[in-house]
PDB file of N, CA and C in Angstrom:
ATOM      1  N   MET A   1     110.012  98.452  98.031  1.00  0.00           N
ATOM      2  CA  MET A   1     111.284  97.991  98.132  1.00  0.00           C
ATOM      3  C   MET A   1     111.495  97.448  99.477  1.00  0.00           C
ATOM      4  N   TYR A   2     111.995  96.262  99.452  1.00  0.00           N
ATOM      5  CA  TYR A   2     112.278  95.462 100.703  1.00  0.00           C
ATOM      6  C   TYR A   2     113.509  95.921 101.541  1.00  0.00           C
ATOM      7  N   THR A   3     114.571  95.967 100.768  1.00  0.00           N
ATOM      8  CA  THR A   3     115.960  96.488 101.353  1.00  0.00           C
ATOM      9  C   THR A   3     116.706  96.879 100.182  1.00  0.00           C
ATOM     10  N   TRP A   4     117.826  97.512 100.472  1.00  0.00           N
ATOM     11  CA  TRP A   4     118.823  97.895  99.394  1.00  0.00           C
ATOM     12  C   TRP A   4     120.186  98.167  99.926  1.00  0.00           C
ATOM     13  N   THR A   5     121.271  98.309  99.107  1.00  0.00           N
ATOM     14  CA  THR A   5     122.545  98.730  99.449  1.00  0.00           C
ATOM     15  C   THR A   5     123.084  99.449  98.483  1.00  0.00           C
ATOM     16  N   TYR A   6     124.195 100.326  98.710  1.00  0.00           N
ATOM     17  CA  TYR A   6     124.903 101.175  97.739  1.00  0.00           C
ATOM     18  C   TYR A   6     126.349 100.464  97.567  1.00  0.00           C
ATOM     19  N   VAL A   7     126.620 100.032  96.340  1.00  0.00           N
ATOM     20  CA  VAL A   7     127.903  99.413  96.069  1.00  0.00           C
ATOM     21  C   VAL A   7     128.748 100.400  95.506  1.00  0.00           C
ATOM     22  N   ARG A   8     129.805 100.631  96.381  1.00  0.00           N
ATOM     23  CA  ARG A   8     130.840 101.686  96.023  1.00  0.00           C
ATOM     24  C   ARG A   8     131.983 101.070  95.197  1.00  0.00           C
ATOM     25  N   ARG A   9     132.339  99.949  95.582  1.00  0.00           N
ATOM     26  CA  ARG A   9     133.517  99.189  94.916  1.00  0.00           C
ATOM     27  C   ARG A   9     132.958  97.729  94.622  1.00  0.00           C
ATOM     28  N   PRO A  10     133.068  97.276  93.361  1.00  0.00           N
ATOM     29  CA  PRO A  10     132.513  96.018  92.929  1.00  0.00           C
ATOM     30  C   PRO A  10     133.404  94.984  93.629  1.00  0.00           C
ATOM     31  N   LEU A  11     132.803  93.783  93.980  1.00  0.00           N
ATOM     32  CA  LEU A  11     133.635  92.661  94.452  1.00  0.00           C
ATOM     33  C   LEU A  11     134.439  91.953  93.337  1.00  0.00           C
ATOM     34  N   SER A  12     133.898  92.148  92.032  1.00  0.00           N
ATOM     35  CA  SER A  12     134.665  91.419  90.923  1.00  0.00           C
ATOM     36  C   SER A  12     134.877  92.584  89.905  1.00  0.00           C
ATOM     37  N   PRO A  13     136.062  92.510  89.146  1.00  0.00           N
ATOM     38  CA  PRO A  13     136.348  93.417  88.173  1.00  0.00           C
ATOM     39  C   PRO A  13     135.308  93.380  87.031  1.00  0.00           C
ATOM     40  N   LEU A  14     134.594  92.246  86.820  1.00  0.00           N
ATOM     41  CA  LEU A  14     133.438  92.118  85.889  1.00  0.00           C
ATOM     42  C   LEU A  14     132.401  93.141  86.119  1.00  0.00           C
ATOM     43  N   PHE A  15     132.226  93.599  87.451  1.00  0.00           N
ATOM     44  CA  PHE A  15     131.233  94.539  87.626  1.00  0.00           C
ATOM     45  C   PHE A  15     131.648  96.008  87.645  1.00  0.00           C
ATOM     46  N   ALA A  16     133.021  96.231  87.417  1.00  0.00           N
ATOM     47  CA  ALA A  16     133.536  97.597  87.425  1.00  0.00           C
ATOM     48  C   ALA A  16     132.935  98.536  86.535  1.00  0.00           C
ATOM     49  N   ILE A  17     132.339  98.075  85.278  1.00  0.00           N
ATOM     50  CA  ILE A  17     131.869  98.899  84.359  1.00  0.00           C
ATOM     51  C   ILE A  17     130.470  99.597  84.812  1.00  0.00           C
ATOM     52  N   LEU A  18     129.926  99.074  85.992  1.00  0.00           N
ATOM     53  CA  LEU A  18     128.703  99.588  86.571  1.00  0.00           C
ATOM     54  C   LEU A  18     128.997 100.879  87.394  1.00  0.00           C
ATOM     55  N   GLY A  19     130.341 101.057  87.907  1.00  0.00           N
ATOM     56  CA  GLY A  19     130.738 101.902  88.787  1.00  0.00           C
ATOM     57  C   GLY A  19     129.842 101.960  90.040  1.00  0.00           C
ATOM     58  N   PRO A  20     129.815 103.008  91.037  1.00  0.00           N
ATOM     59  CA  PRO A  20     128.839 102.936  92.236  1.00  0.00           C
ATOM     60  C   PRO A  20     127.361 102.741  91.599  1.00  0.00           C
ATOM     61  N   HIS A  21     126.731 102.038  92.375  1.00  0.00           N
ATOM     62  CA  HIS A  21     125.308 101.740  91.942  1.00  0.00           C
ATOM     63  C   HIS A  21     124.545 101.190  93.109  1.00  0.00           C
ATOM     64  N   ILE A  22     123.224 101.262  93.025  1.00  0.00           N
ATOM     65  CA  ILE A  22     122.206 100.759  94.067  1.00  0.00           C
ATOM     66  C   ILE A  22     121.719  99.497  93.599  1.00  0.00           C
ATOM     67  N   VAL A  23     121.893  98.435  94.607  1.00  0.00           N
ATOM     68  CA  VAL A  23     121.299  97.199  94.455  1.00  0.00           C
ATOM     69  C   VAL A  23     120.127  97.128  95.334  1.00  0.00           C
ATOM     70  N   ALA A  24     118.955  96.730  95.011  1.00  0.00           N
ATOM     71  CA  ALA A  24     117.802  96.459  95.689  1.00  0.00           C
ATOM     72  C   ALA A  24     117.185  95.182  95.628  1.00  0.00           C
ATOM     73  N   LEU A  25     116.498  94.887  96.741  1.00  0.00           N
ATOM     74  CA  LEU A  25     115.756  93.578  96.892  1.00  0.00           C
ATOM     75  C   LEU A  25     114.391  93.986  96.883  1.00  0.00           C
ATOM     76  N   VAL A  26     113.735  93.772  95.718  1.00  0.00           N
ATOM     77  CA  VAL A  26     112.210  94.268  95.492  1.00  0.00           C
ATOM     78  C   VAL A  26     111.227  93.155  95.772  1.00  0.00           C
ATOM     79  N   GLU A  27     110.232  93.439  96.554  1.00  0.00           N
ATOM     80  CA  GLU A  27     109.073  92.548  96.881  1.00  0.00           C
ATOM     81  C   GLU A  27     107.849  93.074  95.994  1.00  0.00           C
ATOM     82  N   PHE A  28     107.177  92.239  95.363  1.00  0.00           N
ATOM     83  CA  PHE A  28     105.967  92.639  94.482  1.00  0.00           C
ATOM     84  C   PHE A  28     104.845  92.697  95.315  1.00  0.00           C
ATOM     85  N   ASP A  29     104.090  93.709  95.105  1.00  0.00           N
ATOM     86  CA  ASP A  29     102.762  93.857  95.876  1.00  0.00           C
ATOM     87  C   ASP A  29     101.739  92.716  95.760  1.00  0.00           C
ATOM     88  N   LYS A  30     101.606  92.262  94.462  1.00  0.00           N
ATOM     89  CA  LYS A  30     100.633  91.288  94.072  1.00  0.00           C
ATOM     90  C   LYS A  30     101.099  89.872  94.371  1.00  0.00           C
ATOM     91  N   THR A  31     102.444  89.655  94.808  1.00  0.00           N
ATOM     92  CA  THR A  31     102.946  88.322  94.987  1.00  0.00           C
ATOM     93  C   THR A  31     103.936  88.412  96.200  1.00  0.00           C
ATOM     94  N   PRO A  32     103.270  88.612  97.390  1.00  0.00           N
ATOM     95  CA  PRO A  32     104.135  88.754  98.628  1.00  0.00           C
ATOM     96  C   PRO A  32     104.962  87.612  98.961  1.00  0.00           C
ATOM     97  N   GLY A  33     106.269  87.785  99.267  1.00  0.00           N
ATOM     98  CA  GLY A  33     107.061  86.590  99.599  1.00  0.00           C
ATOM     99  C   GLY A  33     107.969  86.273  98.343  1.00  0.00           C
ATOM    100  N   ILE A  34     107.680  86.947  97.118  1.00  0.00           N
ATOM    101  CA  ILE A  34     108.428  86.756  95.972  1.00  0.00           C
ATOM    102  C   ILE A  34     109.402  87.964  95.900  1.00  0.00           C
ATOM    103  N   TYR A  35     110.663  87.755  95.802  1.00  0.00           N
ATOM    104  CA  TYR A  35     111.722  88.871  95.904  1.00  0.00           C
ATOM    105  C   TYR A  35     112.645  88.818  94.503  1.00  0.00           C
ATOM    106  N   LEU A  36     113.039  89.973  94.165  1.00  0.00           N
ATOM    107  CA  LEU A  36     113.878  90.059  92.970  1.00  0.00           C
ATOM    108  C   LEU A  36     115.224  90.975  93.317  1.00  0.00           C
ATOM    109  N   VAL A  37     116.325  90.462  93.084  1.00  0.00           N
ATOM    110  CA  VAL A  37     117.532  91.389  93.270  1.00  0.00           C
ATOM    111  C   VAL A  37     117.730  92.035  91.950  1.00  0.00           C
ATOM    112  N   THR A  38     117.923  93.457  92.093  1.00  0.00           N
ATOM    113  CA  THR A  38     117.971  94.167  90.923  1.00  0.00           C
ATOM    114  C   THR A  38     118.734  95.411  91.114  1.00  0.00           C
ATOM    115  N   ASN A  39     118.891  96.119  90.042  1.00  0.00           N
ATOM    116  CA  ASN A  39     119.551  97.522  90.236  1.00  0.00           C
ATOM    117  C   ASN A  39     118.431  98.517  90.168  1.00  0.00           C
ATOM    118  N   LEU A  40     118.714  99.637  91.104  1.00  0.00           N
ATOM    119  CA  LEU A  40     117.833 100.753  91.185  1.00  0.00           C
ATOM    120  C   LEU A  40     118.483 101.775  90.366  1.00  0.00           C
ATOM    121  N   VAL A  41     117.770 102.430  89.476  1.00  0.00           N
ATOM    122  CA  VAL A  41     118.365 103.517  88.652  1.00  0.00           C
ATOM    123  C   VAL A  41     117.493 104.851  88.766  1.00  0.00           C
ATOM    124  N   ASP A  42     118.059 105.822  88.139  1.00  0.00           N
ATOM    125  CA  ASP A  42     117.328 107.167  88.166  1.00  0.00           C
ATOM    126  C   ASP A  42     117.124 107.740  89.531  1.00  0.00           C
ATOM    127  N   CYS A  43     117.947 107.431  90.485  1.00  0.00           N
ATOM    128  CA  CYS A  43     117.887 108.108  91.713  1.00  0.00           C
ATOM    129  C   CYS A  43     119.329 107.998  92.514  1.00  0.00           C
ATOM    130  N   GLN A  44     119.460 108.944  93.552  1.00  0.00           N
ATOM    131  CA  GLN A  44     120.630 108.910  94.385  1.00  0.00           C
ATOM    132  C   GLN A  44     120.511 108.176  95.631  1.00  0.00           C
ATOM    133  N   PRO A  45     121.532 107.642  96.235  1.00  0.00           N
ATOM    134  CA  PRO A  45     121.308 106.902  97.513  1.00  0.00           C
ATOM    135  C   PRO A  45     120.621 107.638  98.531  1.00  0.00           C
ATOM    136  N   GLU A  46     120.793 108.854  98.629  1.00  0.00           N
ATOM    137  CA  GLU A  46     120.125 109.715  99.704  1.00  0.00           C
ATOM    138  C   GLU A  46     118.660 109.919  99.518  1.00  0.00           C
ATOM    139  N   GLU A  47     118.047 109.410  98.397  1.00  0.00           N
ATOM    140  CA  GLU A  47     116.722 109.496  98.150  1.00  0.00           C
ATOM    141  C   GLU A  47     116.071 108.130  98.375  1.00  0.00           C
ATOM    142  N   VAL A  48     116.771 107.167  98.516  1.00  0.00           N
ATOM    143  CA  VAL A  48     116.203 105.771  98.717  1.00  0.00           C
ATOM    144  C   VAL A  48     115.822 105.458 100.052  1.00  0.00           C
ATOM    145  N   TYR A  49     114.594 104.704 100.210  1.00  0.00           N
ATOM    146  CA  TYR A  49     114.134 104.386 101.607  1.00  0.00           C
ATOM    147  C   TYR A  49     113.388 103.069 101.449  1.00  0.00           C
ATOM    148  N   ILE A  50     113.345 102.379 102.604  1.00  0.00           N
ATOM    149  CA  ILE A  50     112.685 101.032 102.661  1.00  0.00           C
ATOM    150  C   ILE A  50     111.099 101.335 102.433  1.00  0.00           C
ATOM    151  N   GLY A  51     110.501 100.469 101.678  1.00  0.00           N
ATOM    152  CA  GLY A  51     109.065 100.811 101.388  1.00  0.00           C
ATOM    153  C   GLY A  51     108.833 101.724 100.171  1.00  0.00           C
ATOM    154  N   MET A  52     109.873 102.196  99.617  1.00  0.00           N
ATOM    155  CA  MET A  52     109.781 103.093  98.526  1.00  0.00           C
ATOM    156  C   MET A  52     109.063 102.420  97.204  1.00  0.00           C
ATOM    157  N   PRO A  53     107.927 103.095  96.780  1.00  0.00           N
ATOM    158  CA  PRO A  53     107.248 102.506  95.591  1.00  0.00           C
ATOM    159  C   PRO A  53     108.160 102.599  94.393  1.00  0.00           C
ATOM    160  N   LEU A  54     108.262 101.511  93.661  1.00  0.00           N
ATOM    161  CA  LEU A  54     109.099 101.398  92.456  1.00  0.00           C
ATOM    162  C   LEU A  54     108.211 100.955  91.271  1.00  0.00           C
ATOM    163  N   GLU A  55     108.814 101.292  90.111  1.00  0.00           N
ATOM    164  CA  GLU A  55     108.275 100.794  88.935  1.00  0.00           C
ATOM    165  C   GLU A  55     109.371 100.075  88.051  1.00  0.00           C
ATOM    166  N   VAL A  56     109.001  99.266  87.160  1.00  0.00           N
ATOM    167  CA  VAL A  56     109.922  98.483  86.345  1.00  0.00           C
ATOM    168  C   VAL A  56     110.307  99.225  85.159  1.00  0.00           C
ATOM    169  N   VAL A  57     111.529  99.182  84.803  1.00  0.00           N
ATOM    170  CA  VAL A  57     111.973  99.736  83.451  1.00  0.00           C
ATOM    171  C   VAL A  57     112.846  98.548  82.851  1.00  0.00           C
ATOM    172  N   PHE A  58     112.859  98.481  81.511  1.00  0.00           N
ATOM    173  CA  PHE A  58     113.698  97.434  80.859  1.00  0.00           C
ATOM    174  C   PHE A  58     114.789  97.960  80.148  1.00  0.00           C
ATOM    175  N   GLN A  59     116.066  97.422  80.328  1.00  0.00           N
ATOM    176  CA  GLN A  59     117.207  97.805  79.604  1.00  0.00           C
ATOM    177  C   GLN A  59     117.606  96.720  78.549  1.00  0.00           C
ATOM    178  N   ARG A  60     117.539  97.178  77.387  1.00  0.00           N
ATOM    179  CA  ARG A  60     118.020  96.138  76.380  1.00  0.00           C
ATOM    180  C   ARG A  60     119.515  96.047  76.359  1.00  0.00           C
ATOM    181  N   ILE A  61     120.134  94.996  76.553  1.00  0.00           N
ATOM    182  CA  ILE A  61     121.593  94.708  76.642  1.00  0.00           C
ATOM    183  C   ILE A  61     122.041  94.240  75.342  1.00  0.00           C
ATOM    184  N   ASN A  62     121.311  93.431  74.641  1.00  0.00           N
ATOM    185  CA  ASN A  62     121.790  92.980  73.268  1.00  0.00           C
ATOM    186  C   ASN A  62     120.388  92.326  72.574  1.00  0.00           C
ATOM    187  N   ASP A  63     120.569  91.741  71.472  1.00  0.00           N
ATOM    188  CA  ASP A  63     119.350  91.119  70.764  1.00  0.00           C
ATOM    189  C   ASP A  63     118.795  89.972  71.551  1.00  0.00           C
ATOM    190  N   LYS A  64     119.469  89.436  72.627  1.00  0.00           N
ATOM    191  CA  LYS A  64     118.949  88.308  73.213  1.00  0.00           C
ATOM    192  C   LYS A  64     118.713  88.513  74.799  1.00  0.00           C
ATOM    193  N   LEU A  65     119.130  89.625  75.127  1.00  0.00           N
ATOM    194  CA  LEU A  65     118.974  89.907  76.512  1.00  0.00           C
ATOM    195  C   LEU A  65     118.437  91.314  76.834  1.00  0.00           C
ATOM    196  N   THR A  66     117.334  91.270  77.692  1.00  0.00           N
ATOM    197  CA  THR A  66     116.810  92.509  78.234  1.00  0.00           C
ATOM    198  C   THR A  66     116.684  92.410  79.762  1.00  0.00           C
ATOM    199  N   MET A  67     117.230  93.426  80.577  1.00  0.00           N
ATOM    200  CA  MET A  67     117.268  93.207  82.045  1.00  0.00           C
ATOM    201  C   MET A  67     116.136  94.076  82.635  1.00  0.00           C
ATOM    202  N   PRO A  68     115.483  93.521  83.552  1.00  0.00           N
ATOM    203  CA  PRO A  68     114.457  94.346  84.324  1.00  0.00           C
ATOM    204  C   PRO A  68     115.224  95.208  85.401  1.00  0.00           C
ATOM    205  N   LEU A  69     115.096  96.438  85.383  1.00  0.00           N
ATOM    206  CA  LEU A  69     115.575  97.239  86.393  1.00  0.00           C
ATOM    207  C   LEU A  69     114.512  98.055  86.969  1.00  0.00           C
ATOM    208  N   PHE A  70     114.527  98.826  88.222  1.00  0.00           N
ATOM    209  CA  PHE A  70     113.664  99.497  88.778  1.00  0.00           C
ATOM    210  C   PHE A  70     113.979 100.921  89.006  1.00  0.00           C
ATOM    211  N   LYS A  71     113.086 101.771  89.173  1.00  0.00           N
ATOM    212  CA  LYS A  71     113.162 103.271  89.324  1.00  0.00           C
ATOM    213  C   LYS A  71     112.119 103.676  90.319  1.00  0.00           C
ATOM    214  N   PRO A  72     112.340 104.672  91.026  1.00  0.00           N
ATOM    215  CA  PRO A  72     111.362 105.281  91.912  1.00  0.00           C
ATOM    216  C   PRO A  72     110.000 105.533  91.058  1.00  0.00           C
ATOM    217  N   GLN A  73     108.927 105.239  91.649  1.00  0.00           N
ATOM    218  CA  GLN A  73     107.627 105.553  91.018  1.00  0.00           C
ATOM    219  C   GLN A  73     107.367 107.090  91.198  1.00  0.00           C
ATOM    220  N   ARG A  74     107.183 107.686  90.069  1.00  0.00           N
ATOM    221  CA  ARG A  74     106.891 109.159  90.167  1.00  0.00           C
ATOM    222  C   ARG A  74     105.437 109.396  90.157  1.00  0.00           C
ATOM    223  N   PRO A  75     104.958 110.491  90.663  1.00  0.00           N
ATOM    224  CA  PRO A  75     103.546 110.724  90.689  1.00  0.00           C
ATOM    225  C   PRO A  75     103.056 110.934  89.166  1.00  0.00           C
ATOM    226  N   ARG A  76     102.041 110.493  88.830  1.00  0.00           N
ATOM    227  CA  ARG A  76     101.358 110.497  87.438  1.00  0.00           C
ATOM    228  C   ARG A  76     100.365 111.639  87.550  1.00  0.00           C
ATOM    229  N   HIS A  77     100.440 112.502  86.473  1.00  0.00           N
ATOM    230  CA  HIS A  77      99.653 113.768  86.357  1.00  0.00           C
ATOM    231  C   HIS A  77      98.541 113.564  85.303  1.00  0.00           C
TER     232      HIS A  77
END
């Protein structure tokens, strides 16, 4: 993760449905200099840090739209 912020109040009523959420700027290991603005899920703001390893998860919005989100990379056993 390159950087992040915690959104407590949305700037637009259109985003009110999200409630408080974490927005991250993700840089990909294999493509340095390429960034994606996305939401960070499955963690609390106090757990987030710059450089945190992340993994992609996909959220199906409807039949035509699936969103890439990211969550902390958990140790694999």
